[in-house]
Protein backbone atom coordinates (compact mmCIF):
# COMPACT_ATOMS: atom_id res chain seq x y z
CA MET A 1 39.52 44.91 59.84
CA PRO A 2 37.05 46.57 57.24
CA PHE A 3 37.09 50.40 57.37
CA GLN A 4 33.80 51.49 59.92
CA ILE A 5 31.43 54.36 59.20
CA ALA A 6 28.81 55.65 61.53
CA VAL A 7 25.91 57.25 60.39
CA CYS A 8 24.10 59.24 62.71
CA GLY A 9 20.54 61.20 62.08
CA PRO A 10 17.07 61.84 63.36
CA ARG A 11 14.54 58.72 63.95
CA ASP A 12 11.89 61.47 62.83
CA CYS A 13 13.59 62.81 59.78
CA THR A 14 12.21 64.13 56.40
CA GLU A 15 11.91 62.49 52.94
CA ALA A 16 15.07 64.59 52.02
CA GLU A 17 16.90 62.96 54.75
CA ALA A 18 16.07 59.52 54.37
CA ALA A 19 16.91 59.80 50.76
CA LEU A 20 20.29 61.48 51.79
CA ALA A 21 21.04 58.58 54.15
CA ARG A 22 19.89 55.70 51.97
CA ARG A 23 22.48 57.17 49.12
CA VAL A 24 25.25 57.35 51.91
CA GLY A 25 24.76 53.73 52.83
CA GLU A 26 24.72 52.45 49.25
CA LEU A 27 28.03 54.35 48.85
CA ILE A 28 29.68 53.05 52.05
CA ALA A 29 28.54 49.28 50.78
CA GLU A 30 29.64 50.23 47.87
CA ARG A 31 33.14 51.40 49.01
CA GLY A 32 33.26 47.95 50.95
CA ALA A 33 33.31 49.86 54.72
CA VAL A 34 30.70 48.68 57.21
CA VAL A 35 27.75 50.74 58.48
CA ILE A 36 27.41 51.23 62.25
CA CYS A 37 23.99 53.04 63.05
CA GLY A 38 21.45 53.16 66.00
CA GLY A 39 19.47 50.56 64.29
CA GLY A 40 16.23 52.26 64.30
CA SER A 41 13.91 54.18 62.36
CA GLY A 42 14.12 57.24 60.12
CA VAL A 43 18.04 57.88 59.32
CA MET A 44 19.02 54.91 60.76
CA ALA A 45 16.75 52.49 58.86
CA ALA A 46 17.27 54.49 55.61
CA VAL A 47 21.34 53.97 56.00
CA ALA A 48 20.43 50.42 56.63
CA ALA A 49 18.44 50.07 53.56
CA GLY A 50 20.94 51.62 51.39
CA ALA A 51 23.86 49.53 52.46
CA ARG A 52 21.79 46.28 52.63
CA SER A 53 20.65 46.88 48.81
CA ARG A 54 24.10 46.82 47.76
CA GLY A 55 25.23 43.98 49.77
CA GLY A 56 26.77 45.99 52.58
CA LEU A 57 27.18 45.11 56.33
CA VAL A 58 24.97 47.08 58.80
CA ILE A 59 25.64 47.19 62.75
CA GLY A 60 22.86 48.57 64.88
CA VAL A 61 23.52 49.39 68.32
CA ARG A 62 20.13 49.65 70.04
CA PRO A 63 19.54 52.01 73.31
CA GLY A 64 16.98 49.31 74.95
CA ASP A 65 17.09 45.77 76.55
CA SER A 66 15.48 44.28 73.09
CA ALA A 67 16.15 44.13 69.41
CA ALA A 68 12.21 43.72 68.91
CA ASP A 69 12.13 47.43 67.14
CA ALA A 70 15.15 46.97 65.24
CA SER A 71 15.56 47.85 61.75
CA PRO A 72 14.95 44.85 59.54
CA ASP A 73 17.90 45.71 57.27
CA LEU A 74 20.67 45.43 60.07
CA SER A 75 23.28 42.32 59.29
CA ALA A 76 23.89 42.41 63.19
CA THR A 77 22.17 44.23 66.45
CA ILE A 78 24.08 44.87 69.64
CA VAL A 79 21.47 45.28 72.41
CA THR A 80 23.23 47.70 75.12
CA ASN A 81 20.33 48.54 77.28
CA LEU A 82 22.36 51.81 77.54
CA GLY A 83 19.58 54.37 76.70
CA GLU A 84 21.25 57.57 74.77
CA ALA A 85 24.94 56.34 76.53
CA ARG A 86 24.66 53.74 73.61
CA ASN A 87 25.73 56.66 71.33
CA THR A 88 29.02 56.55 72.98
CA VAL A 89 29.51 52.78 71.75
CA ILE A 90 28.47 53.87 68.00
CA VAL A 91 31.20 56.80 67.97
CA TRP A 92 33.94 54.81 69.55
CA SER A 93 33.27 51.87 67.08
CA ALA A 94 33.74 53.98 64.22
CA ASP A 95 36.74 55.20 61.82
CA ALA A 96 34.88 58.30 61.13
CA VAL A 97 31.24 59.78 61.28
CA ILE A 98 28.59 61.37 59.30
CA SER A 99 25.59 62.76 60.50
CA VAL A 100 22.41 63.59 58.30
CA GLY A 101 20.02 66.19 59.64
CA GLY A 102 19.88 66.77 63.15
CA SER A 103 18.09 65.99 66.30
CA TRP A 104 19.34 66.19 69.97
CA GLY A 105 20.71 62.72 69.78
CA THR A 106 22.49 63.52 66.60
CA LEU A 107 24.06 66.56 68.10
CA SER A 108 25.35 64.16 71.06
CA GLU A 109 26.61 61.91 68.56
CA VAL A 110 28.97 64.47 66.63
CA ALA A 111 29.99 65.99 70.05
CA LEU A 112 31.05 62.81 71.30
CA ALA A 113 32.81 62.37 68.10
CA LYS A 114 34.80 65.74 68.23
CA HIS A 115 35.64 65.13 71.51
CA ARG A 116 37.23 61.77 70.80
CA GLY A 117 39.32 63.26 67.84
CA GLY A 118 41.64 61.59 65.52
CA ILE A 119 38.60 60.60 63.25
CA PRO A 120 36.59 62.86 60.20
CA VAL A 121 33.51 64.16 61.39
CA LEU A 122 30.95 65.12 58.55
CA SER A 123 27.78 66.68 58.40
CA LEU A 124 25.21 66.35 55.56
CA ARG A 125 22.65 69.21 55.82
CA GLY A 126 23.06 68.75 59.68
CA TRP A 127 24.19 71.01 62.58
CA ARG A 128 26.42 73.86 62.49
CA VAL A 129 28.07 74.43 65.56
CA THR A 130 28.97 77.82 66.54
CA THR A 131 30.88 79.86 69.26
CA ALA A 132 28.79 82.74 71.48
CA ASP A 133 30.23 85.34 68.76
CA GLY A 134 28.81 83.19 65.68
CA SER A 135 32.05 81.94 64.47
CA ALA A 136 31.90 78.09 63.50
CA VAL A 137 33.28 75.57 66.21
CA PRO A 138 36.28 74.04 64.06
CA GLY A 139 36.28 70.25 62.98
CA ILE A 140 33.21 69.37 61.35
CA ARG A 141 33.60 69.06 57.82
CA HIS A 142 29.81 70.45 56.26
CA VAL A 143 29.20 68.43 52.98
CA SER A 144 26.58 68.96 50.08
CA THR A 145 26.01 65.59 48.81
CA PRO A 146 26.24 61.73 50.17
CA GLU A 147 29.35 61.18 47.25
CA GLU A 148 31.35 64.19 49.21
CA ALA A 149 30.47 62.70 52.57
CA VAL A 150 31.32 59.19 52.19
CA GLU A 151 34.52 60.27 50.18
CA TYR A 152 35.79 62.44 52.62
CA ALA A 153 35.12 59.92 55.74
CA ILE A 154 37.52 57.63 54.08
CA ALA A 155 39.99 59.71 52.29
CA GLY A 156 40.13 61.87 55.31
CA HIS A 157 41.00 58.70 57.53
CA ALA A 158 43.83 57.76 55.64
């Protein structure tokens, strides 16, 4: 089965976050891995466009009861009618998780991935989770570039 990388991020992202997500998608496709994302706008649309531009496979997991608002760059759409609970489907279907930027939905995916355990979880200019005393919660690798994110996602799983 091909390696599957979930890419999470805000639907209302900045241009910089969209550019990072697009590059992540390109790199994932170039490595022959599959992108799993929420299948909507923002970071999700950008990673899908990047992967498809390189001939990659992109699976979108939608929260509602229709694929009508899904990104046009998806290879396949899974309609769940689960709302935000679909984040669990995304995370449990992945061999690694990369978050780009941050939103509350993105934070839930990072938390679900860490709770699941056993897979690399990377944050590309996104959430830095700390305890009440300010120390970093272990297990989230913070990266600076799309190249570093994809390389560690793949190598960190091997």
